[in-house]
Amino acid sequence: MPLTMAKEGEPNVIRRVGGKEETRKFLENLGFVVGGLVTVVTDAGGNLIVNVKESRVAIGKDMANKIQVG
C-alpha cells in the first residue's frame, strides 16, 4: 500500500520506491530505502511528517504515493 494509507504511529517496512530515477534518488537521499522502517507522525491533508532513519521528514502527497510499504 502507498505510504499515504499507513496509520499514524505504526512502523512500516518500505517495500518499493517508485517514480522517475531522479525522484527515487531524492527519496533515497532522505532515507527512504527498501527494507528501511518509516513511521507516519502526522497526516496533514495528505502531506505527511514521517520518521525515517532517526530523522523527521515532511513529504508531499505525490511523493508519499510513490513509496510502497507493507
PDB file of N, CA and C in Angstrom:
ATOM      1  N   MET A   1       0.845  -1.181   0.000  1.00  0.00           N
ATOM      2  CA  MET A   1       0.000   0.000   0.000  1.00  0.00           C
ATOM      3  C   MET A   1       0.889   1.242   0.000  1.00  0.00           C
ATOM      4  N   PRO A   2       0.384   2.342  -0.528  1.00  0.00           N
ATOM      5  CA  PRO A   2       1.191   3.573  -0.509  1.00  0.00           C
ATOM      6  C   PRO A   2       1.319   4.131   0.909  1.00  0.00           C
ATOM      7  N   LEU A   3       2.373   4.871   1.147  1.00  0.00           N
ATOM      8  CA  LEU A   3       2.633   5.447   2.464  1.00  0.00           C
ATOM      9  C   LEU A   3       1.479   6.339   2.934  1.00  0.00           C
ATOM     10  N   THR A   4       0.761   6.958   2.012  1.00  0.00           N
ATOM     11  CA  THR A   4      -0.352   7.835   2.385  1.00  0.00           C
ATOM     12  C   THR A   4      -1.469   7.078   3.103  1.00  0.00           C
ATOM     13  N   MET A   5      -1.522   5.754   2.958  1.00  0.00           N
ATOM     14  CA  MET A   5      -2.570   4.955   3.592  1.00  0.00           C
ATOM     15  C   MET A   5      -2.129   4.348   4.921  1.00  0.00           C
ATOM     16  N   ALA A   6      -0.861   4.543   5.296  1.00  0.00           N
ATOM     17  CA  ALA A   6      -0.348   3.981   6.546  1.00  0.00           C
ATOM     18  C   ALA A   6      -0.949   4.712   7.746  1.00  0.00           C
ATOM     19  N   LYS A   7      -1.146   3.962   8.832  1.00  0.00           N
ATOM     20  CA  LYS A   7      -1.694   4.549  10.051  1.00  0.00           C
ATOM     21  C   LYS A   7      -0.617   5.319  10.806  1.00  0.00           C
ATOM     22  N   GLU A   8      -1.023   6.409  11.446  1.00  0.00           N
ATOM     23  CA  GLU A   8      -0.091   7.206  12.243  1.00  0.00           C
ATOM     24  C   GLU A   8       0.440   6.372  13.406  1.00  0.00           C
ATOM     25  N   GLY A   9       1.736   6.512  13.675  1.00  0.00           N
ATOM     26  CA  GLY A   9       2.349   5.851  14.814  1.00  0.00           C
ATOM     27  C   GLY A   9       2.725   4.400  14.612  1.00  0.00           C
ATOM     28  N   GLU A  10       2.396   3.834  13.461  1.00  0.00           N
ATOM     29  CA  GLU A  10       2.691   2.432  13.187  1.00  0.00           C
ATOM     30  C   GLU A  10       3.922   2.318  12.296  1.00  0.00           C
ATOM     31  N   PRO A  11       4.969   1.612  12.749  1.00  0.00           N
ATOM     32  CA  PRO A  11       6.145   1.453  11.882  1.00  0.00           C
ATOM     33  C   PRO A  11       5.821   0.553  10.685  1.00  0.00           C
ATOM     34  N   ASN A  12       6.313   0.931   9.530  1.00  0.00           N
ATOM     35  CA  ASN A  12       6.102   0.164   8.297  1.00  0.00           C
ATOM     36  C   ASN A  12       7.435  -0.057   7.606  1.00  0.00           C
ATOM     37  N   VAL A  13       7.554  -1.196   6.933  1.00  0.00           N
ATOM     38  CA  VAL A  13       8.752  -1.504   6.151  1.00  0.00           C
ATOM     39  C   VAL A  13       8.540  -0.993   4.732  1.00  0.00           C
ATOM     40  N   ILE A  14       9.540  -0.295   4.215  1.00  0.00           N
ATOM     41  CA  ILE A  14       9.466   0.213   2.839  1.00  0.00           C
ATOM     42  C   ILE A  14       9.693  -0.956   1.892  1.00  0.00           C
ATOM     43  N   ARG A  15       8.725  -1.217   1.013  1.00  0.00           N
ATOM     44  CA  ARG A  15       8.792  -2.338   0.075  1.00  0.00           C
ATOM     45  C   ARG A  15       9.304  -1.914  -1.300  1.00  0.00           C
ATOM     46  N   ARG A  16       8.946  -0.681  -1.718  1.00  0.00           N
ATOM     47  CA  ARG A  16       9.333  -0.223  -3.055  1.00  0.00           C
ATOM     48  C   ARG A  16       9.274   1.289  -3.092  1.00  0.00           C
ATOM     49  N   VAL A  17      10.197   1.888  -3.825  1.00  0.00           N
ATOM     50  CA  VAL A  17      10.175   3.330  -4.061  1.00  0.00           C
ATOM     51  C   VAL A  17      10.054   3.524  -5.562  1.00  0.00           C
ATOM     52  N   GLY A  18       8.943   4.131  -5.989  1.00  0.00           N
ATOM     53  CA  GLY A  18       8.670   4.297  -7.415  1.00  0.00           C
ATOM     54  C   GLY A  18       9.011   5.693  -7.903  1.00  0.00           C
ATOM     55  N   GLY A  19       8.579   5.971  -9.119  1.00  0.00           N
ATOM     56  CA  GLY A  19       8.816   7.286  -9.719  1.00  0.00           C
ATOM     57  C   GLY A  19       9.999   7.273 -10.662  1.00  0.00           C
ATOM     58  N   LYS A  20      10.299   8.452 -11.184  1.00  0.00           N
ATOM     59  CA  LYS A  20      11.431   8.611 -12.092  1.00  0.00           C
ATOM     60  C   LYS A  20      12.736   8.435 -11.329  1.00  0.00           C
ATOM     61  N   GLU A  21      13.805   8.231 -12.062  1.00  0.00           N
ATOM     62  CA  GLU A  21      15.123   7.999 -11.455  1.00  0.00           C
ATOM     63  C   GLU A  21      15.502   9.117 -10.487  1.00  0.00           C
ATOM     64  N   GLU A  22      15.311  10.373 -10.889  1.00  0.00           N
ATOM     65  CA  GLU A  22      15.706  11.483 -10.010  1.00  0.00           C
ATOM     66  C   GLU A  22      14.833  11.533  -8.750  1.00  0.00           C
ATOM     67  N   THR A  23      13.569  11.157  -8.864  1.00  0.00           N
ATOM     68  CA  THR A  23      12.674  11.122  -7.699  1.00  0.00           C
ATOM     69  C   THR A  23      13.124  10.037  -6.733  1.00  0.00           C
ATOM     70  N   ARG A  24      13.456   8.867  -7.264  1.00  0.00           N
ATOM     71  CA  ARG A  24      13.930   7.769  -6.409  1.00  0.00           C
ATOM     72  C   ARG A  24      15.217   8.145  -5.696  1.00  0.00           C
ATOM     73  N   LYS A  25      16.149   8.775  -6.420  1.00  0.00           N
ATOM     74  CA  LYS A  25      17.416   9.206  -5.817  1.00  0.00           C
ATOM     75  C   LYS A  25      17.168  10.212  -4.700  1.00  0.00           C
ATOM     76  N   PHE A  26      16.258  11.166  -4.944  1.00  0.00           N
ATOM     77  CA  PHE A  26      15.914  12.177  -3.940  1.00  0.00           C
ATOM     78  C   PHE A  26      15.375  11.513  -2.673  1.00  0.00           C
ATOM     79  N   LEU A  27      14.444  10.573  -2.852  1.00  0.00           N
ATOM     80  CA  LEU A  27      13.857   9.883  -1.704  1.00  0.00           C
ATOM     81  C   LEU A  27      14.883   9.013  -0.984  1.00  0.00           C
ATOM     82  N   GLU A  28      15.777   8.370  -1.746  1.00  0.00           N
ATOM     83  CA  GLU A  28      16.843   7.565  -1.145  1.00  0.00           C
ATOM     84  C   GLU A  28      17.742   8.436  -0.275  1.00  0.00           C
ATOM     85  N   ASN A  29      18.065   9.630  -0.763  1.00  0.00           N
ATOM     86  CA  ASN A  29      18.919  10.538  -0.003  1.00  0.00           C
ATOM     87  C   ASN A  29      18.258  10.988   1.294  1.00  0.00           C
ATOM     88  N   LEU A  30      16.929  11.010   1.321  1.00  0.00           N
ATOM     89  CA  LEU A  30      16.207  11.357   2.544  1.00  0.00           C
ATOM     90  C   LEU A  30      16.135  10.173   3.512  1.00  0.00           C
ATOM     91  N   GLY A  31      16.462   8.977   3.025  1.00  0.00           N
ATOM     92  CA  GLY A  31      16.453   7.792   3.879  1.00  0.00           C
ATOM     93  C   GLY A  31      15.391   6.767   3.527  1.00  0.00           C
ATOM     94  N   PHE A  32      14.633   7.013   2.466  1.00  0.00           N
ATOM     95  CA  PHE A  32      13.590   6.070   2.050  1.00  0.00           C
ATOM     96  C   PHE A  32      14.208   4.994   1.173  1.00  0.00           C
ATOM     97  N   VAL A  33      14.723   3.929   1.815  1.00  0.00           N
ATOM     98  CA  VAL A  33      15.350   2.830   1.083  1.00  0.00           C
ATOM     99  C   VAL A  33      14.574   1.546   1.356  1.00  0.00           C
ATOM    100  N   VAL A  34      14.552   0.664   0.377  1.00  0.00           N
ATOM    101  CA  VAL A  34      13.834  -0.609   0.511  1.00  0.00           C
ATOM    102  C   VAL A  34      14.376  -1.370   1.712  1.00  0.00           C
ATOM    103  N   GLY A  35      13.457  -1.843   2.547  1.00  0.00           N
ATOM    104  CA  GLY A  35      13.837  -2.572   3.752  1.00  0.00           C
ATOM    105  C   GLY A  35      13.928  -1.688   4.986  1.00  0.00           C
ATOM    106  N   GLY A  36      13.941  -0.371   4.786  1.00  0.00           N
ATOM    107  CA  GLY A  36      14.015   0.556   5.916  1.00  0.00           C
ATOM    108  C   GLY A  36      12.661   0.732   6.585  1.00  0.00           C
ATOM    109  N   LEU A  37      12.681   1.239   7.802  1.00  0.00           N
ATOM    110  CA  LEU A  37      11.449   1.497   8.538  1.00  0.00           C
ATOM    111  C   LEU A  37      11.040   2.959   8.390  1.00  0.00           C
ATOM    112  N   VAL A  38       9.725   3.165   8.280  1.00  0.00           N
ATOM    113  CA  VAL A  38       9.179   4.517   8.218  1.00  0.00           C
ATOM    114  C   VAL A  38       7.911   4.536   9.067  1.00  0.00           C
ATOM    115  N   THR A  39       7.754   5.609   9.845  1.00  0.00           N
ATOM    116  CA  THR A  39       6.577   5.760  10.697  1.00  0.00           C
ATOM    117  C   THR A  39       5.931   7.110  10.427  1.00  0.00           C
ATOM    118  N   VAL A  40       4.639   7.107  10.139  1.00  0.00           N
ATOM    119  CA  VAL A  40       3.915   8.359   9.919  1.00  0.00           C
ATOM    120  C   VAL A  40       3.673   9.010  11.282  1.00  0.00           C
ATOM    121  N   VAL A  41       4.136  10.258  11.436  1.00  0.00           N
ATOM    122  CA  VAL A  41       3.936  11.002  12.674  1.00  0.00           C
ATOM    123  C   VAL A  41       2.634  11.784  12.586  1.00  0.00           C
ATOM    124  N   THR A  42       2.456  12.516  11.484  1.00  0.00           N
ATOM    125  CA  THR A  42       1.268  13.342  11.288  1.00  0.00           C
ATOM    126  C   THR A  42       0.854  13.315   9.828  1.00  0.00           C
ATOM    127  N   ASP A  43      -0.452  13.259   9.601  1.00  0.00           N
ATOM    128  CA  ASP A  43      -1.021  13.359   8.258  1.00  0.00           C
ATOM    129  C   ASP A  43      -1.835  14.643   8.221  1.00  0.00           C
ATOM    130  N   ALA A  44      -1.305  15.649   7.532  1.00  0.00           N
ATOM    131  CA  ALA A  44      -1.981  16.952   7.454  1.00  0.00           C
ATOM    132  C   ALA A  44      -2.506  17.160   6.041  1.00  0.00           C
ATOM    133  N   GLY A  45      -3.707  16.681   5.789  1.00  0.00           N
ATOM    134  CA  GLY A  45      -4.309  16.858   4.474  1.00  0.00           C
ATOM    135  C   GLY A  45      -3.558  16.177   3.353  1.00  0.00           C
ATOM    136  N   GLY A  46      -2.990  15.015   3.639  1.00  0.00           N
ATOM    137  CA  GLY A  46      -2.252  14.283   2.602  1.00  0.00           C
ATOM    138  C   GLY A  46      -0.760  14.523   2.670  1.00  0.00           C
ATOM    139  N   ASN A  47      -0.334  15.673   3.175  1.00  0.00           N
ATOM    140  CA  ASN A  47       1.091  15.914   3.383  1.00  0.00           C
ATOM    141  C   ASN A  47       1.485  15.234   4.686  1.00  0.00           C
ATOM    142  N   LEU A  48       2.603  14.527   4.659  1.00  0.00           N
ATOM    143  CA  LEU A  48       2.985  13.693   5.792  1.00  0.00           C
ATOM    144  C   LEU A  48       4.251  14.174   6.468  1.00  0.00           C
ATOM    145  N   ILE A  49       4.279  14.025   7.784  1.00  0.00           N
ATOM    146  CA  ILE A  49       5.525  14.143   8.536  1.00  0.00           C
ATOM    147  C   ILE A  49       5.822  12.727   8.997  1.00  0.00           C
ATOM    148  N   VAL A  50       7.010  12.246   8.643  1.00  0.00           N
ATOM    149  CA  VAL A  50       7.365  10.860   8.946  1.00  0.00           C
ATOM    150  C   VAL A  50       8.709  10.779   9.652  1.00  0.00           C
ATOM    151  N   ASN A  51       8.892   9.711  10.410  1.00  0.00           N
ATOM    152  CA  ASN A  51      10.196   9.378  10.983  1.00  0.00           C
ATOM    153  C   ASN A  51      10.822   8.341  10.072  1.00  0.00           C
ATOM    154  N   VAL A  52      12.006   8.649   9.592  1.00  0.00           N
ATOM    155  CA  VAL A  52      12.747   7.698   8.763  1.00  0.00           C
ATOM    156  C   VAL A  52      14.230   7.874   9.078  1.00  0.00           C
ATOM    157  N   LYS A  53      14.917   6.787   9.356  1.00  0.00           N
ATOM    158  CA  LYS A  53      16.350   6.819   9.684  1.00  0.00           C
ATOM    159  C   LYS A  53      16.672   7.837  10.772  1.00  0.00           C
ATOM    160  N   GLU A  54      15.946   7.800  11.887  1.00  0.00           N
ATOM    161  CA  GLU A  54      16.210   8.667  13.034  1.00  0.00           C
ATOM    162  C   GLU A  54      15.976  10.152  12.757  1.00  0.00           C
ATOM    163  N   SER A  55      15.309  10.481  11.658  1.00  0.00           N
ATOM    164  CA  SER A  55      15.034  11.878  11.310  1.00  0.00           C
ATOM    165  C   SER A  55      13.561  12.077  11.029  1.00  0.00           C
ATOM    166  N   ARG A  56      13.093  13.305  11.227  1.00  0.00           N
ATOM    167  CA  ARG A  56      11.727  13.661  10.842  1.00  0.00           C
ATOM    168  C   ARG A  56      11.780  14.377   9.508  1.00  0.00           C
ATOM    169  N   VAL A  57      10.941  13.922   8.592  1.00  0.00           N
ATOM    170  CA  VAL A  57      10.932  14.467   7.235  1.00  0.00           C
ATOM    171  C   VAL A  57       9.492  14.777   6.851  1.00  0.00           C
ATOM    172  N   ALA A  58       9.295  15.928   6.212  1.00  0.00           N
ATOM    173  CA  ALA A  58       7.970  16.275   5.682  1.00  0.00           C
ATOM    174  C   ALA A  58       7.989  16.009   4.181  1.00  0.00           C
ATOM    175  N   ILE A  59       6.984  15.265   3.705  1.00  0.00           N
ATOM    176  CA  ILE A  59       6.882  14.998   2.268  1.00  0.00           C
ATOM    177  C   ILE A  59       5.446  15.221   1.816  1.00  0.00           C
ATOM    178  N   GLY A  60       5.311  15.608   0.568  1.00  0.00           N
ATOM    179  CA  GLY A  60       4.003  15.857  -0.008  1.00  0.00           C
ATOM    180  C   GLY A  60       3.294  14.570  -0.386  1.00  0.00           C
ATOM    181  N   LYS A  61       2.014  14.714  -0.655  1.00  0.00           N
ATOM    182  CA  LYS A  61       1.171  13.564  -1.000  1.00  0.00           C
ATOM    183  C   LYS A  61       1.691  12.837  -2.244  1.00  0.00           C
ATOM    184  N   ASP A  62       2.122  13.600  -3.262  1.00  0.00           N
ATOM    185  CA  ASP A  62       2.617  12.971  -4.501  1.00  0.00           C
ATOM    186  C   ASP A  62       3.818  12.089  -4.238  1.00  0.00           C
ATOM    187  N   MET A  63       4.762  12.589  -3.438  1.00  0.00           N
ATOM    188  CA  MET A  63       5.959  11.808  -3.105  1.00  0.00           C
ATOM    189  C   MET A  63       5.573  10.598  -2.264  1.00  0.00           C
ATOM    190  N   ALA A  64       4.701  10.793  -1.286  1.00  0.00           N
ATOM    191  CA  ALA A  64       4.306   9.701  -0.386  1.00  0.00           C
ATOM    192  C   ALA A  64       3.617   8.573  -1.148  1.00  0.00           C
ATOM    193  N   ASN A  65       2.899   8.897  -2.218  1.00  0.00           N
ATOM    194  CA  ASN A  65       2.225   7.868  -3.014  1.00  0.00           C
ATOM    195  C   ASN A  65       3.217   7.009  -3.793  1.00  0.00           C
ATOM    196  N   LYS A  66       4.437   7.470  -3.975  1.00  0.00           N
ATOM    197  CA  LYS A  66       5.456   6.715  -4.697  1.00  0.00           C
ATOM    198  C   LYS A  66       6.156   5.712  -3.785  1.00  0.00           C
ATOM    199  N   ILE A  67       5.931   5.816  -2.472  1.00  0.00           N
ATOM    200  CA  ILE A  67       6.581   4.937  -1.511  1.00  0.00           C
ATOM    201  C   ILE A  67       5.588   3.849  -1.083  1.00  0.00           C
ATOM    202  N   GLN A  68       5.921   2.613  -1.416  1.00  0.00           N
ATOM    203  CA  GLN A  68       5.055   1.476  -1.069  1.00  0.00           C
ATOM    204  C   GLN A  68       5.568   0.840   0.220  1.00  0.00           C
ATOM    205  N   VAL A  69       4.654   0.615   1.173  1.00  0.00           N
ATOM    206  CA  VAL A  69       5.023  -0.011   2.441  1.00  0.00           C
ATOM    207  C   VAL A  69       4.159  -1.231   2.692  1.00  0.00           C
ATOM    208  N   GLY A  70       4.569  -2.049   3.631  1.00  0.00           N
ATOM    209  CA  GLY A  70       3.779  -3.229   3.949  1.00  0.00           C
ATOM    210  C   GLY A  70       4.266  -3.908   5.188  1.00  0.00           C
TER     211      GLY A  70
END
